[in-house]
Each structure stands twice: as C-alpha cells, then as structure tokens.
PDB file of N, CA and C in Angstrom:
ATOM      1  N   UNK A   1      14.204  58.093  76.375  1.00  0.00           N
ATOM      2  CA  UNK A   1      14.505  59.031  77.004  1.00  0.00           C
ATOM      3  C   UNK A   1      13.343  60.025  75.899  1.00  0.00           C
ATOM      4  N   UNK A   2      12.900  61.271  76.305  1.00  0.00           N
ATOM      5  CA  UNK A   2      12.104  61.921  76.023  1.00  0.00           C
ATOM      6  C   UNK A   2      12.689  62.807  74.465  1.00  0.00           C
ATOM      7  N   UNK A   3      11.706  63.188  73.721  1.00  0.00           N
ATOM      8  CA  UNK A   3      12.348  63.767  72.744  1.00  0.00           C
ATOM      9  C   UNK A   3      13.203  65.542  73.038  1.00  0.00           C
ATOM     10  N   UNK A   4      12.480  66.163  73.996  1.00  0.00           N
ATOM     11  CA  UNK A   4      13.277  67.189  74.952  1.00  0.00           C
ATOM     12  C   UNK A   4      14.242  67.311  75.234  1.00  0.00           C
ATOM     13  N   UNK A   5      14.253  66.225  76.096  1.00  0.00           N
ATOM     14  CA  UNK A   5      15.718  65.525  76.586  1.00  0.00           C
ATOM     15  C   UNK A   5      17.370  65.543  75.668  1.00  0.00           C
ATOM     16  N   UNK A   6      16.513  64.720  74.305  1.00  0.00           N
ATOM     17  CA  UNK A   6      18.062  64.575  73.558  1.00  0.00           C
ATOM     18  C   UNK A   6      18.108  65.649  72.811  1.00  0.00           C
ATOM     19  N   UNK A   7      16.943  66.488  72.485  1.00  0.00           N
ATOM     20  CA  UNK A   7      16.919  67.505  72.130  1.00  0.00           C
ATOM     21  C   UNK A   7      17.970  68.410  72.891  1.00  0.00           C
ATOM     22  N   UNK A   8      18.510  68.836  73.767  1.00  0.00           N
ATOM     23  CA  UNK A   8      19.137  69.196  74.715  1.00  0.00           C
ATOM     24  C   UNK A   8      20.575  68.799  74.577  1.00  0.00           C
ATOM     25  N   UNK A   9      20.504  67.819  74.594  1.00  0.00           N
ATOM     26  CA  UNK A   9      22.271  66.891  75.196  1.00  0.00           C
ATOM     27  C   UNK A   9      22.253  67.408  73.285  1.00  0.00           C
ATOM     28  N   UNK A  10      22.328  66.570  72.300  1.00  0.00           N
ATOM     29  CA  UNK A  10      22.309  67.449  70.710  1.00  0.00           C
ATOM     30  C   UNK A  10      23.144  68.654  71.424  1.00  0.00           C
ATOM     31  N   UNK A  11      22.134  69.493  71.282  1.00  0.00           N
ATOM     32  CA  UNK A  11      22.663  71.526  71.585  1.00  0.00           C
ATOM     33  C   UNK A  11      23.938  71.221  72.418  1.00  0.00           C
ATOM     34  N   UNK A  12      23.577  70.554  73.707  1.00  0.00           N
ATOM     35  CA  UNK A  12      24.970  70.955  74.562  1.00  0.00           C
ATOM     36  C   UNK A  12      26.208  70.226  74.256  1.00  0.00           C
ATOM     37  N   UNK A  13      25.858  69.359  73.479  1.00  0.00           N
ATOM     38  CA  UNK A  13      27.259  68.741  73.044  1.00  0.00           C
ATOM     39  C   UNK A  13      27.977  69.296  71.549  1.00  0.00           C
ATOM     40  N   UNK A  14      26.891  69.659  70.637  1.00  0.00           N
ATOM     41  CA  UNK A  14      27.610  70.942  69.824  1.00  0.00           C
ATOM     42  C   UNK A  14      27.845  72.162  70.080  1.00  0.00           C
ATOM     43  N   UNK A  15      27.310  72.591  71.712  1.00  0.00           N
ATOM     44  CA  UNK A  15      28.276  73.678  71.969  1.00  0.00           C
ATOM     45  C   UNK A  15      29.438  73.863  72.633  1.00  0.00           C
ATOM     46  N   UNK A  16      29.616  72.814  73.286  1.00  0.00           N
ATOM     47  CA  UNK A  16      31.163  72.201  73.272  1.00  0.00           C
ATOM     48  C   UNK A  16      32.245  72.073  72.451  1.00  0.00           C
ATOM     49  N   UNK A  17      31.494  71.494  71.495  1.00  0.00           N
ATOM     50  CA  UNK A  17      32.360  71.485  70.354  1.00  0.00           C
ATOM     51  C   UNK A  17      32.600  73.518  69.647  1.00  0.00           C
ATOM     52  N   UNK A  18      31.961  73.982  69.480  1.00  0.00           N
ATOM     53  CA  UNK A  18      31.707  74.676  69.250  1.00  0.00           C
ATOM     54  C   UNK A  18      32.659  75.415  69.908  1.00  0.00           C
ATOM     55  N   UNK A  19      32.102  75.913  70.722  1.00  0.00           N
ATOM     56  CA  UNK A  19      33.466  77.219  71.999  1.00  0.00           C
ATOM     57  C   UNK A  19      34.511  76.579  72.202  1.00  0.00           C
ATOM     58  N   UNK A  20      35.021  74.585  71.975  1.00  0.00           N
ATOM     59  CA  UNK A  20      36.899  74.355  71.581  1.00  0.00           C
ATOM     60  C   UNK A  20      36.666  74.821  70.276  1.00  0.00           C
ATOM     61  N   UNK A  21      35.788  75.131  69.214  1.00  0.00           N
ATOM     62  CA  UNK A  21      36.020  75.225  68.311  1.00  0.00           C
ATOM     63  C   UNK A  21      36.598  76.725  68.011  1.00  0.00           C
ATOM     64  N   UNK A  22      36.279  77.323  68.195  1.00  0.00           N
ATOM     65  CA  UNK A  22      36.312  79.227  68.829  1.00  0.00           C
ATOM     66  C   UNK A  22      37.719  79.448  69.003  1.00  0.00           C
ATOM     67  N   UNK A  23      37.201  79.081  70.475  1.00  0.00           N
ATOM     68  CA  UNK A  23      38.540  79.326  71.302  1.00  0.00           C
ATOM     69  C   UNK A  23      40.211  78.411  70.127  1.00  0.00           C
ATOM     70  N   UNK A  24      40.514  77.763  69.504  1.00  0.00           N
ATOM     71  CA  UNK A  24      41.251  77.281  68.199  1.00  0.00           C
ATOM     72  C   UNK A  24      41.474  78.758  67.074  1.00  0.00           C
ATOM     73  N   UNK A  25      39.887  79.076  66.737  1.00  0.00           N
ATOM     74  CA  UNK A  25      40.330  80.024  65.924  1.00  0.00           C
ATOM     75  C   UNK A  25      41.005  81.338  66.532  1.00  0.00           C
ATOM     76  N   UNK A  26      39.916  81.973  67.512  1.00  0.00           N
ATOM     77  CA  UNK A  26      40.649  83.494  68.032  1.00  0.00           C
ATOM     78  C   UNK A  26      41.385  82.811  69.653  1.00  0.00           C
ATOM     79  N   UNK A  27      42.587  83.027  68.948  1.00  0.00           N
ATOM     80  CA  UNK A  27      43.548  82.937  70.090  1.00  0.00           C
ATOM     81  C   UNK A  27      43.603  83.418  71.010  1.00  0.00           C
ATOM     82  N   UNK A  28      42.959  85.144  71.187  1.00  0.00           N
ATOM     83  CA  UNK A  28      43.245  85.852  72.290  1.00  0.00           C
ATOM     84  C   UNK A  28      42.386  85.188  73.371  1.00  0.00           C
ATOM     85  N   UNK A  29      41.412  84.401  72.886  1.00  0.00           N
ATOM     86  CA  UNK A  29      40.695  83.645  73.851  1.00  0.00           C
ATOM     87  C   UNK A  29      40.997  83.084  75.244  1.00  0.00           C
ATOM     88  N   UNK A  30      41.668  83.590  76.190  1.00  0.00           N
ATOM     89  CA  UNK A  30      42.466  82.512  77.069  1.00  0.00           C
ATOM     90  C   UNK A  30      41.626  81.606  78.055  1.00  0.00           C
ATOM     91  N   UNK A  31      41.268  80.495  77.799  1.00  0.00           N
ATOM     92  CA  UNK A  31      39.821  79.782  78.732  1.00  0.00           C
ATOM     93  C   UNK A  31      40.316  78.886  78.832  1.00  0.00           C
ATOM     94  N   UNK A  32      40.726  77.859  79.871  1.00  0.00           N
ATOM     95  CA  UNK A  32      41.274  76.450  79.839  1.00  0.00           C
ATOM     96  C   UNK A  32      40.584  75.907  79.132  1.00  0.00           C
ATOM     97  N   UNK A  33      40.930  74.170  79.116  1.00  0.00           N
ATOM     98  CA  UNK A  33      39.970  73.109  78.076  1.00  0.00           C
ATOM     99  C   UNK A  33      38.255  73.051  78.851  1.00  0.00           C
ATOM    100  N   UNK A  34      38.970  73.284  80.317  1.00  0.00           N
ATOM    101  CA  UNK A  34      36.866  72.880  80.861  1.00  0.00           C
ATOM    102  C   UNK A  34      36.836  74.109  81.001  1.00  0.00           C
ATOM    103  N   UNK A  35      36.617  75.172  81.086  1.00  0.00           N
ATOM    104  CA  UNK A  35      36.167  76.428  80.721  1.00  0.00           C
ATOM    105  C   UNK A  35      35.445  76.537  79.604  1.00  0.00           C
ATOM    106  N   UNK A  36      36.123  76.256  78.448  1.00  0.00           N
ATOM    107  CA  UNK A  36      35.901  76.305  76.778  1.00  0.00           C
ATOM    108  C   UNK A  36      34.564  75.861  76.806  1.00  0.00           C
ATOM    109  N   UNK A  37      34.572  74.278  77.327  1.00  0.00           N
ATOM    110  CA  UNK A  37      33.788  72.948  76.891  1.00  0.00           C
ATOM    111  C   UNK A  37      32.440  73.254  77.768  1.00  0.00           C
ATOM    112  N   UNK A  38      32.177  73.803  78.752  1.00  0.00           N
ATOM    113  CA  UNK A  38      31.652  73.856  79.689  1.00  0.00           C
ATOM    114  C   UNK A  38      30.950  75.196  79.483  1.00  0.00           C
ATOM    115  N   UNK A  39      31.395  76.599  79.375  1.00  0.00           N
ATOM    116  CA  UNK A  39      30.609  77.576  78.685  1.00  0.00           C
ATOM    117  C   UNK A  39      30.008  77.597  77.109  1.00  0.00           C
ATOM    118  N   UNK A  40      30.837  76.813  76.053  1.00  0.00           N
ATOM    119  CA  UNK A  40      30.005  76.456  74.921  1.00  0.00           C
ATOM    120  C   UNK A  40      28.871  75.302  75.671  1.00  0.00           C
ATOM    121  N   UNK A  41      28.638  74.132  76.309  1.00  0.00           N
ATOM    122  CA  UNK A  41      27.667  73.001  76.078  1.00  0.00           C
ATOM    123  C   UNK A  41      26.400  74.013  77.344  1.00  0.00           C
ATOM    124  N   UNK A  42      26.985  75.370  78.296  1.00  0.00           N
ATOM    125  CA  UNK A  42      25.560  75.770  78.684  1.00  0.00           C
ATOM    126  C   UNK A  42      25.196  77.067  77.326  1.00  0.00           C
ATOM    127  N   UNK A  43      26.257  77.617  77.126  1.00  0.00           N
ATOM    128  CA  UNK A  43      25.564  78.420  75.553  1.00  0.00           C
ATOM    129  C   UNK A  43      24.731  78.006  73.961  1.00  0.00           C
ATOM    130  N   UNK A  44      25.506  76.316  74.301  1.00  0.00           N
ATOM    131  CA  UNK A  44      24.754  75.641  73.187  1.00  0.00           C
ATOM    132  C   UNK A  44      23.294  75.230  73.772  1.00  0.00           C
ATOM    133  N   UNK A  45      23.440  74.613  74.722  1.00  0.00           N
ATOM    134  CA  UNK A  45      21.867  74.083  75.249  1.00  0.00           C
ATOM    135  C   UNK A  45      21.427  75.162  75.782  1.00  0.00           C
ATOM    136  N   UNK A  46      21.529  76.593  76.198  1.00  0.00           N
ATOM    137  CA  UNK A  46      19.879  77.703  76.668  1.00  0.00           C
ATOM    138  C   UNK A  46      19.881  78.209  74.740  1.00  0.00           C
ATOM    139  N   UNK A  47      20.520  78.741  74.275  1.00  0.00           N
ATOM    140  CA  UNK A  47      21.064  79.253  72.826  1.00  0.00           C
ATOM    141  C   UNK A  47      20.475  78.372  72.377  1.00  0.00           C
ATOM    142  N   UNK A  48      20.753  76.949  72.200  1.00  0.00           N
ATOM    143  CA  UNK A  48      19.707  76.219  70.971  1.00  0.00           C
ATOM    144  C   UNK A  48      18.061  76.439  71.356  1.00  0.00           C
ATOM    145  N   UNK A  49      18.124  75.922  72.711  1.00  0.00           N
ATOM    146  CA  UNK A  49      16.449  76.172  73.218  1.00  0.00           C
ATOM    147  C   UNK A  49      15.365  77.599  72.525  1.00  0.00           C
ATOM    148  N   UNK A  50      16.460  78.714  73.002  1.00  0.00           N
ATOM    149  CA  UNK A  50      15.883  79.872  73.181  1.00  0.00           C
ATOM    150  C   UNK A  50      15.608  80.148  71.358  1.00  0.00           C
ATOM    151  N   UNK A  51      16.674  79.398  70.216  1.00  0.00           N
ATOM    152  CA  UNK A  51      16.574  79.575  69.494  1.00  0.00           C
ATOM    153  C   UNK A  51      15.525  78.549  68.503  1.00  0.00           C
ATOM    154  N   UNK A  52      14.909  77.816  69.003  1.00  0.00           N
ATOM    155  CA  UNK A  52      14.731  76.367  69.014  1.00  0.00           C
ATOM    156  C   UNK A  52      12.465  77.465  69.627  1.00  0.00           C
ATOM    157  N   UNK A  53      12.946  78.468  70.249  1.00  0.00           N
ATOM    158  CA  UNK A  53      11.318  78.172  70.494  1.00  0.00           C
ATOM    159  C   UNK A  53      11.690  80.026  69.702  1.00  0.00           C
ATOM    160  N   UNK A  54      12.261  80.483  69.364  1.00  0.00           N
ATOM    161  CA  UNK A  54      12.197  81.329  68.017  1.00  0.00           C
ATOM    162  C   UNK A  54      11.852  80.858  66.541  1.00  0.00           C
ATOM    163  N   UNK A  55      12.358  79.673  66.775  1.00  0.00           N
ATOM    164  CA  UNK A  55      12.212  79.323  65.020  1.00  0.00           C
ATOM    165  C   UNK A  55      11.999  77.982  65.088  1.00  0.00           C
ATOM    166  N   UNK A  56      10.706  77.254  65.084  1.00  0.00           N
ATOM    167  CA  UNK A  56      10.336  76.488  65.387  1.00  0.00           C
ATOM    168  C   UNK A  56      10.902  75.029  64.059  1.00  0.00           C
ATOM    169  N   UNK A  57      11.070  75.778  62.927  1.00  0.00           N
ATOM    170  CA  UNK A  57      11.674  74.576  62.797  1.00  0.00           C
ATOM    171  C   UNK A  57      12.995  73.532  62.768  1.00  0.00           C
ATOM    172  N   UNK A  58      13.770  74.809  63.652  1.00  0.00           N
ATOM    173  CA  UNK A  58      14.384  74.035  63.958  1.00  0.00           C
ATOM    174  C   UNK A  58      14.370  73.011  64.965  1.00  0.00           C
ATOM    175  N   UNK A  59      13.495  73.227  65.830  1.00  0.00           N
ATOM    176  CA  UNK A  59      13.230  71.942  66.585  1.00  0.00           C
ATOM    177  C   UNK A  59      11.714  71.281  65.963  1.00  0.00           C
ATOM    178  N   UNK A  60      11.922  70.560  64.893  1.00  0.00           N
ATOM    179  CA  UNK A  60      10.641  70.185  64.610  1.00  0.00           C
ATOM    180  C   UNK A  60       9.248  69.992  64.411  1.00  0.00           C
ATOM    181  N   UNK A  61       8.924  71.265  65.337  1.00  0.00           N
ATOM    182  CA  UNK A  61       7.720  71.622  65.543  1.00  0.00           C
ATOM    183  C   UNK A  61       7.698  71.206  67.144  1.00  0.00           C
ATOM    184  N   UNK A  62       5.954  71.072  67.629  1.00  0.00           N
ATOM    185  CA  UNK A  62       6.155  71.323  68.800  1.00  0.00           C
ATOM    186  C   UNK A  62       6.507  70.114  70.102  1.00  0.00           C
ATOM    187  N   UNK A  63       7.611  70.832  70.767  1.00  0.00           N
ATOM    188  CA  UNK A  63       7.680  69.588  71.632  1.00  0.00           C
ATOM    189  C   UNK A  63       8.237  67.806  70.857  1.00  0.00           C
ATOM    190  N   UNK A  64       8.965  68.180  69.518  1.00  0.00           N
ATOM    191  CA  UNK A  64       9.286  66.708  68.759  1.00  0.00           C
ATOM    192  C   UNK A  64      10.355  66.395  68.662  1.00  0.00           C
ATOM    193  N   UNK A  65      11.782  67.055  68.224  1.00  0.00           N
ATOM    194  CA  UNK A  65      12.602  67.262  68.240  1.00  0.00           C
ATOM    195  C   UNK A  65      13.480  66.033  67.133  1.00  0.00           C
ATOM    196  N   UNK A  66      15.282  65.903  67.410  1.00  0.00           N
ATOM    197  CA  UNK A  66      15.380  65.265  65.777  1.00  0.00           C
ATOM    198  C   UNK A  66      14.237  63.284  66.080  1.00  0.00           C
ATOM    199  N   UNK A  67      14.838  63.384  67.224  1.00  0.00           N
ATOM    200  CA  UNK A  67      14.572  61.613  67.603  1.00  0.00           C
ATOM    201  C   UNK A  67      12.975  61.481  68.278  1.00  0.00           C
ATOM    202  N   UNK A  68      11.803  60.810  66.837  1.00  0.00           N
ATOM    203  CA  UNK A  68      10.420  61.163  67.883  1.00  0.00           C
ATOM    204  C   UNK A  68      10.272  59.351  67.756  1.00  0.00           C
ATOM    205  N   UNK A  69       9.452  59.376  67.738  1.00  0.00           N
ATOM    206  CA  UNK A  69       8.331  57.761  67.765  1.00  0.00           C
ATOM    207  C   UNK A  69       8.745  57.224  66.412  1.00  0.00           C
ATOM    208  N   UNK A  70       8.507  58.699  65.724  1.00  0.00           N
ATOM    209  CA  UNK A  70       8.673  57.638  63.970  1.00  0.00           C
ATOM    210  C   UNK A  70      10.267  57.641  63.576  1.00  0.00           C
ATOM    211  N   UNK A  71      10.572  58.123  64.394  1.00  0.00           N
ATOM    212  CA  UNK A  71      12.066  58.001  63.666  1.00  0.00           C
ATOM    213  C   UNK A  71      12.629  59.255  63.339  1.00  0.00           C
ATOM    214  N   UNK A  72      14.391  59.197  63.015  1.00  0.00           N
ATOM    215  CA  UNK A  72      14.992  60.090  62.536  1.00  0.00           C
ATOM    216  C   UNK A  72      14.928  61.310  61.620  1.00  0.00           C
ATOM    217  N   UNK A  73      14.760  62.666  61.952  1.00  0.00           N
ATOM    218  CA  UNK A  73      14.964  63.553  61.233  1.00  0.00           C
ATOM    219  C   UNK A  73      16.006  64.394  61.564  1.00  0.00           C
ATOM    220  N   UNK A  74      16.541  63.485  60.395  1.00  0.00           N
ATOM    221  CA  UNK A  74      18.792  64.444  59.574  1.00  0.00           C
ATOM    222  C   UNK A  74      18.471  66.178  59.817  1.00  0.00           C
ATOM    223  N   UNK A  75      17.176  66.581  59.320  1.00  0.00           N
ATOM    224  CA  UNK A  75      17.070  68.350  58.700  1.00  0.00           C
ATOM    225  C   UNK A  75      17.111  68.549  60.396  1.00  0.00           C
ATOM    226  N   UNK A  76      16.100  68.387  61.588  1.00  0.00           N
ATOM    227  CA  UNK A  76      16.115  68.428  62.723  1.00  0.00           C
ATOM    228  C   UNK A  76      17.245  68.503  63.527  1.00  0.00           C
ATOM    229  N   UNK A  77      18.114  67.212  63.214  1.00  0.00           N
ATOM    230  CA  UNK A  77      19.547  67.122  63.653  1.00  0.00           C
ATOM    231  C   UNK A  77      20.118  67.936  63.298  1.00  0.00           C
ATOM    232  N   UNK A  78      20.755  68.583  62.148  1.00  0.00           N
ATOM    233  CA  UNK A  78      21.312  69.668  61.730  1.00  0.00           C
ATOM    234  C   UNK A  78      21.326  70.754  62.211  1.00  0.00           C
ATOM    235  N   UNK A  79      20.048  70.887  62.009  1.00  0.00           N
ATOM    236  CA  UNK A  79      19.299  72.484  62.771  1.00  0.00           C
ATOM    237  C   UNK A  79      19.120  72.290  64.310  1.00  0.00           C
ATOM    238  N   UNK A  80      19.362  71.262  64.674  1.00  0.00           N
ATOM    239  CA  UNK A  80      20.128  71.310  66.477  1.00  0.00           C
ATOM    240  C   UNK A  80      21.325  71.505  66.352  1.00  0.00           C
ATOM    241  N   UNK A  81      22.394  70.783  65.400  1.00  0.00           N
ATOM    242  CA  UNK A  81      23.484  70.842  65.500  1.00  0.00           C
ATOM    243  C   UNK A  81      24.180  72.621  65.428  1.00  0.00           C
ATOM    244  N   UNK A  82      23.505  73.275  64.801  1.00  0.00           N
ATOM    245  CA  UNK A  82      24.308  74.088  63.690  1.00  0.00           C
ATOM    246  C   UNK A  82      23.545  75.197  64.985  1.00  0.00           C
ATOM    247  N   UNK A  83      22.496  75.701  65.454  1.00  0.00           N
ATOM    248  CA  UNK A  83      21.703  76.225  66.139  1.00  0.00           C
ATOM    249  C   UNK A  83      22.436  75.999  68.030  1.00  0.00           C
ATOM    250  N   UNK A  84      22.876  74.845  68.568  1.00  0.00           N
ATOM    251  CA  UNK A  84      23.744  74.903  69.946  1.00  0.00           C
ATOM    252  C   UNK A  84      25.447  74.918  69.506  1.00  0.00           C
ATOM    253  N   UNK A  85      26.009  74.864  68.085  1.00  0.00           N
ATOM    254  CA  UNK A  85      26.910  75.002  68.218  1.00  0.00           C
ATOM    255  C   UNK A  85      27.600  76.458  67.929  1.00  0.00           C
ATOM    256  N   UNK A  86      26.777  76.850  66.974  1.00  0.00           N
ATOM    257  CA  UNK A  86      26.563  78.148  66.894  1.00  0.00           C
ATOM    258  C   UNK A  86      26.696  79.406  68.630  1.00  0.00           C
ATOM    259  N   UNK A  87      25.565  79.087  68.870  1.00  0.00           N
ATOM    260  CA  UNK A  87      25.141  79.582  69.575  1.00  0.00           C
ATOM    261  C   UNK A  87      26.569  79.357  70.988  1.00  0.00           C
ATOM    262  N   UNK A  88      27.119  78.269  71.102  1.00  0.00           N
ATOM    263  CA  UNK A  88      28.201  77.641  71.883  1.00  0.00           C
ATOM    264  C   UNK A  88      29.161  78.491  71.909  1.00  0.00           C
ATOM    265  N   UNK A  89      29.291  79.004  70.854  1.00  0.00           N
ATOM    266  CA  UNK A  89      30.434  79.427  70.513  1.00  0.00           C
ATOM    267  C   UNK A  89      30.988  80.790  71.172  1.00  0.00           C
ATOM    268  N   UNK A  90      29.668  81.526  70.688  1.00  0.00           N
ATOM    269  CA  UNK A  90      29.337  82.512  71.036  1.00  0.00           C
ATOM    270  C   UNK A  90      29.334  83.006  72.881  1.00  0.00           C
ATOM    271  N   UNK A  91      28.633  82.067  72.945  1.00  0.00           N
ATOM    272  CA  UNK A  91      29.232  82.262  74.960  1.00  0.00           C
ATOM    273  C   UNK A  91      30.556  82.152  74.926  1.00  0.00           C
ATOM    274  N   UNK A  92      31.287  81.745  74.249  1.00  0.00           N
ATOM    275  CA  UNK A  92      32.298  81.139  74.336  1.00  0.00           C
ATOM    276  C   UNK A  92      33.188  81.858  74.874  1.00  0.00           C
ATOM    277  N   UNK A  93      32.940  82.898  73.588  1.00  0.00           N
ATOM    278  CA  UNK A  93      33.783  83.725  72.949  1.00  0.00           C
ATOM    279  C   UNK A  93      33.193  85.170  74.367  1.00  0.00           C
ATOM    280  N   UNK A  94      32.151  85.695  74.420  1.00  0.00           N
ATOM    281  CA  UNK A  94      32.121  86.624  75.123  1.00  0.00           C
ATOM    282  C   UNK A  94      32.127  86.404  76.418  1.00  0.00           C
ATOM    283  N   UNK A  95      32.152  85.301  76.996  1.00  0.00           N
ATOM    284  CA  UNK A  95      32.848  84.648  78.035  1.00  0.00           C
ATOM    285  C   UNK A  95      34.633  84.755  78.120  1.00  0.00           C
ATOM    286  N   UNK A  96      35.106  84.433  77.424  1.00  0.00           N
ATOM    287  CA  UNK A  96      36.419  84.422  76.731  1.00  0.00           C
ATOM    288  C   UNK A  96      37.196  86.460  77.501  1.00  0.00           C
ATOM    289  N   UNK A  97      36.111  87.063  76.300  1.00  0.00           N
ATOM    290  CA  UNK A  97      36.255  88.606  76.764  1.00  0.00           C
ATOM    291  C   UNK A  97      36.129  89.214  77.401  1.00  0.00           C
ATOM    292  N   UNK A  98      35.158  88.400  78.360  1.00  0.00           N
ATOM    293  CA  UNK A  98      34.846  89.330  79.570  1.00  0.00           C
ATOM    294  C   UNK A  98      35.570  88.689  80.441  1.00  0.00           C
ATOM    295  N   UNK A  99      36.493  87.446  80.760  1.00  0.00           N
ATOM    296  CA  UNK A  99      37.452  86.664  81.326  1.00  0.00           C
ATOM    297  C   UNK A  99      38.825  87.993  80.870  1.00  0.00           C
ATOM    298  N   UNK A 100      39.028  88.529  80.110  1.00  0.00           N
ATOM    299  CA  UNK A 100      40.474  89.178  79.009  1.00  0.00           C
ATOM    300  C   UNK A 100      40.153  90.522  80.225  1.00  0.00           C
ATOM    301  N   UNK A 101      38.789  90.898  80.190  1.00  0.00           N
ATOM    302  CA  UNK A 101      39.215  92.350  80.304  1.00  0.00           C
ATOM    303  C   UNK A 101      38.883  92.594  82.385  1.00  0.00           C
ATOM    304  N   UNK A 102      38.598  91.533  82.449  1.00  0.00           N
ATOM    305  CA  UNK A 102      37.930  92.048  83.880  1.00  0.00           C
ATOM    306  C   UNK A 102      39.509  91.188  84.607  1.00  0.00           C
ATOM    307  N   UNK A 103      40.678  90.319  83.919  1.00  0.00           N
ATOM    308  CA  UNK A 103      41.500  89.829  84.527  1.00  0.00           C
ATOM    309  C   UNK A 103      43.024  90.032  82.938  1.00  0.00           C
ATOM    310  N   UNK A 104      43.267  91.284  83.425  1.00  0.00           N
ATOM    311  CA  UNK A 104      44.360  91.202  82.168  1.00  0.00           C
ATOM    312  C   UNK A 104      45.197  91.012  82.665  1.00  0.00           C
ATOM    313  N   UNK A 105      46.525  90.673  82.027  1.00  0.00           N
ATOM    314  CA  UNK A 105      47.546  89.295  81.622  1.00  0.00           C
ATOM    315  C   UNK A 105      48.308  90.307  82.711  1.00  0.00           C
ATOM    316  N   UNK A 106      49.134  91.293  83.159  1.00  0.00           N
ATOM    317  CA  UNK A 106      50.237  91.402  83.662  1.00  0.00           C
ATOM    318  C   UNK A 106      51.429  91.852  83.239  1.00  0.00           C
ATOM    319  N   UNK A 107      51.369  92.809  82.902  1.00  0.00           N
ATOM    320  CA  UNK A 107      52.969  92.984  81.841  1.00  0.00           C
ATOM    321  C   UNK A 107      53.829  93.172  82.636  1.00  0.00           C
ATOM    322  N   UNK A 108      54.822  92.790  81.800  1.00  0.00           N
ATOM    323  CA  UNK A 108      56.143  93.842  82.796  1.00  0.00           C
ATOM    324  C   UNK A 108      57.302  94.323  82.662  1.00  0.00           C
TER     325      UNK A 108
END
C-alpha cells in the first residue's frame, strides 16, 4: 500500500478513537456508537489531511507519511495519530451539538 493511503487509514482510525473518547467525556453528546465512530473517522481522515497540508511536518514531507520505502517514522506516526484523533473528536463533538440542537429531547 502506498504512503498516502496508510496515512489516511491511520488518521481515520485515530479519529474514530477520538470520536468515541469525546463521547465518553462529554455526556451531553448523545450519538449512537456507530454514528460517533463514523463521525470521528471522517473527521480524523479529512481533518488529518487538512492539518497535514497546513503543517507538513505532521506528514513527514511531501507524499511520504509514517511508512515509507526506507522504514517507519515514529514521530510522523505520532503526529498523524494526534492530528486525526483531535480532529475526529472535534467533528464528533460538533455533530453531537448539531444533533442535540435539531432534535431536542422531549420533556414531559
């Protein structure tokens, strides 16, 4: 597999983890397990790619990533995990806030 694909997979997995983590921390985020995982993965993948474009050090330079032909770079891997996890958590939090605003729970 090529470096950019592996980078996207790392960021999406980190985003899914971040989305599930923020849902556990912020109890007012009322999303189901599948929704928070998908929102986190999308946020982690897209947000990680945006961060990588803005901060090239996260991606290890042009089109390289954590896994290259010359080996594995732990610093780049950590940057991709952090970027994907944080952006996945942010997107999941925003999706939860929007859902709560649109579909307010009925009080009796």
